[in-house]
Amino acid sequence: MSDKGPQTPFSRETDRWLEPGKINVQVIYVLYLVGFAVGITPIIGVVMAYLNRGKGAPWVQTHYVWAIRTFWISLLFLLISLLLTVVLVGILGFIATAVWIVVRCVVGLQRAAREEPITNPESWMV
């Protein structure tokens, strides 16, 4: 038998989406968008954002803050809309919240693709 020496584990290209950076941020935004069809994926996205917060380049940090705030603010808007469905105004709230989420995710995806930071990540607006 021949000993080939210490073997390094095979690194898969797909493992990069878990590491803090451009691909990870894009996966988080896509998980938020997929949440319109599969309700659990935004929770997975926010967990990934919390796990990678404080890691990576400074421009990536702004995206994690933006993604975390997008999750919690949208949850607040959805709860308010749910309460307001009693007077039928909540339906408009649901629509407005969905548009708001989509716009924030698209802005985040575009800036992440160009490796640009979010200008004001703590903003409630777009």
Protein backbone atom coordinates (compact mmCIF):
# COMPACT_ATOMS: atom_id res chain seq x y z
CA MET A 1 0.00 0.00 0.00
CA SER A 2 1.23 3.41 -0.80
CA ASP A 3 0.67 6.38 1.45
CA LYS A 4 -0.02 9.55 -0.46
CA GLY A 5 0.49 11.77 2.56
CA PRO A 6 -2.05 14.03 4.19
CA GLN A 7 -5.13 14.57 2.08
CA THR A 8 -6.89 17.90 2.03
CA PRO A 9 -10.66 17.71 1.91
CA PHE A 10 -12.17 18.32 -1.48
CA SER A 11 -13.51 21.86 -1.64
CA ARG A 12 -16.72 22.14 -3.58
CA GLU A 13 -17.56 25.27 -5.52
CA THR A 14 -21.07 25.21 -4.07
CA ASP A 15 -19.78 25.76 -0.53
CA ARG A 16 -19.14 29.44 -1.30
CA TRP A 17 -22.77 30.41 -0.88
CA LEU A 18 -22.50 29.81 2.88
CA GLU A 19 -19.46 32.06 3.32
CA PRO A 20 -19.94 35.78 3.91
CA GLY A 21 -19.74 37.67 0.66
CA LYS A 22 -21.46 38.49 -2.58
CA ILE A 23 -22.99 35.09 -3.28
CA ASN A 24 -24.25 34.67 0.28
CA VAL A 25 -25.97 38.06 0.20
CA GLN A 26 -27.59 37.25 -3.13
CA VAL A 27 -28.85 33.92 -1.76
CA ILE A 28 -30.45 35.77 1.18
CA TYR A 29 -32.29 38.16 -1.14
CA VAL A 30 -33.47 35.29 -3.33
CA LEU A 31 -34.71 33.42 -0.24
CA TYR A 32 -36.75 36.50 0.68
CA LEU A 33 -38.29 36.59 -2.78
CA VAL A 34 -38.99 32.85 -2.81
CA GLY A 35 -40.83 33.45 0.46
CA PHE A 36 -43.85 34.60 -1.55
CA ALA A 37 -44.24 31.00 -2.73
CA VAL A 38 -42.65 29.08 0.16
CA GLY A 39 -43.29 30.84 3.45
CA ILE A 40 -40.32 29.50 5.44
CA THR A 41 -37.47 30.70 3.23
CA PRO A 42 -37.33 34.28 4.60
CA ILE A 43 -36.66 32.81 8.05
CA ILE A 44 -33.76 30.83 6.59
CA GLY A 45 -32.52 34.02 4.93
CA VAL A 46 -32.60 36.10 8.10
CA VAL A 47 -30.81 33.34 10.03
CA MET A 48 -28.09 33.31 7.38
CA ALA A 49 -27.83 37.10 7.62
CA TYR A 50 -27.50 36.97 11.41
CA LEU A 51 -24.86 34.21 11.20
CA ASN A 52 -22.73 36.20 8.75
CA ARG A 53 -23.23 39.65 10.26
CA GLY A 54 -19.90 41.06 11.38
CA LYS A 55 -17.98 39.02 8.83
CA GLY A 56 -16.80 39.89 5.35
CA ALA A 57 -15.99 43.14 3.60
CA PRO A 58 -17.50 46.44 4.78
CA TRP A 59 -19.78 46.68 1.75
CA VAL A 60 -21.16 43.23 2.56
CA GLN A 61 -21.93 44.33 6.12
CA THR A 62 -24.33 46.98 4.83
CA HIS A 63 -26.21 44.26 2.94
CA TYR A 64 -26.58 42.10 6.06
CA VAL A 65 -27.98 45.05 8.03
CA TRP A 66 -30.32 45.86 5.11
CA ALA A 67 -31.50 42.23 4.86
CA ILE A 68 -32.09 41.87 8.60
CA ARG A 69 -34.02 45.14 8.75
CA THR A 70 -36.02 44.16 5.66
CA PHE A 71 -37.15 40.98 7.42
CA TRP A 72 -38.19 42.60 10.70
CA ILE A 73 -39.81 45.69 9.18
CA SER A 74 -41.77 43.56 6.71
CA LEU A 75 -42.91 41.32 9.57
CA LEU A 76 -44.14 44.42 11.40
CA PHE A 77 -45.95 45.68 8.28
CA LEU A 78 -47.54 42.26 7.74
CA LEU A 79 -48.81 42.11 11.31
CA ILE A 80 -50.29 45.61 11.05
CA SER A 81 -51.90 44.67 7.73
CA LEU A 82 -53.32 41.53 9.30
CA LEU A 83 -54.94 43.57 12.06
CA LEU A 84 -56.30 46.05 9.53
CA THR A 85 -57.94 43.37 7.39
CA VAL A 86 -60.92 43.71 9.72
CA VAL A 87 -61.68 47.06 8.05
CA LEU A 88 -60.44 45.86 4.62
CA VAL A 89 -57.58 48.38 4.59
CA GLY A 90 -55.20 45.57 5.45
CA ILE A 91 -55.47 44.12 1.97
CA LEU A 92 -53.85 47.26 0.60
CA GLY A 93 -51.25 46.95 3.35
CA PHE A 94 -50.39 43.42 2.22
CA ILE A 95 -49.97 44.60 -1.35
CA ALA A 96 -47.85 47.60 -0.32
CA THR A 97 -45.68 45.39 1.89
CA ALA A 98 -45.13 42.88 -0.92
CA VAL A 99 -44.09 45.66 -3.30
CA TRP A 100 -41.80 47.13 -0.63
CA ILE A 101 -40.10 43.75 -0.05
CA VAL A 102 -39.61 43.14 -3.77
CA VAL A 103 -38.13 46.60 -4.33
CA ARG A 104 -35.71 46.27 -1.41
CA CYS A 105 -34.60 42.82 -2.59
CA VAL A 106 -34.10 44.00 -6.17
CA VAL A 107 -32.10 47.02 -5.00
CA GLY A 108 -30.01 44.73 -2.80
CA LEU A 109 -29.44 42.22 -5.60
CA GLN A 110 -28.37 44.95 -8.02
CA ARG A 111 -25.95 46.52 -5.58
CA ALA A 112 -24.55 43.14 -4.52
CA ALA A 113 -23.97 42.21 -8.16
CA ARG A 114 -21.91 45.40 -8.56
CA GLU A 115 -20.29 44.84 -5.13
CA GLU A 116 -21.57 48.21 -3.92
CA PRO A 117 -22.70 48.96 -0.37
CA ILE A 118 -26.23 49.93 0.55
CA THR A 119 -26.14 53.71 0.99
CA ASN A 120 -28.30 53.87 4.14
CA PRO A 121 -28.81 50.32 5.40
CA GLU A 122 -30.80 51.38 8.46
CA SER A 123 -33.42 53.23 6.43
CA TRP A 124 -37.07 52.18 6.46
CA MET A 125 -37.39 53.41 2.90
CA VAL A 126 -35.94 51.97 -0.27
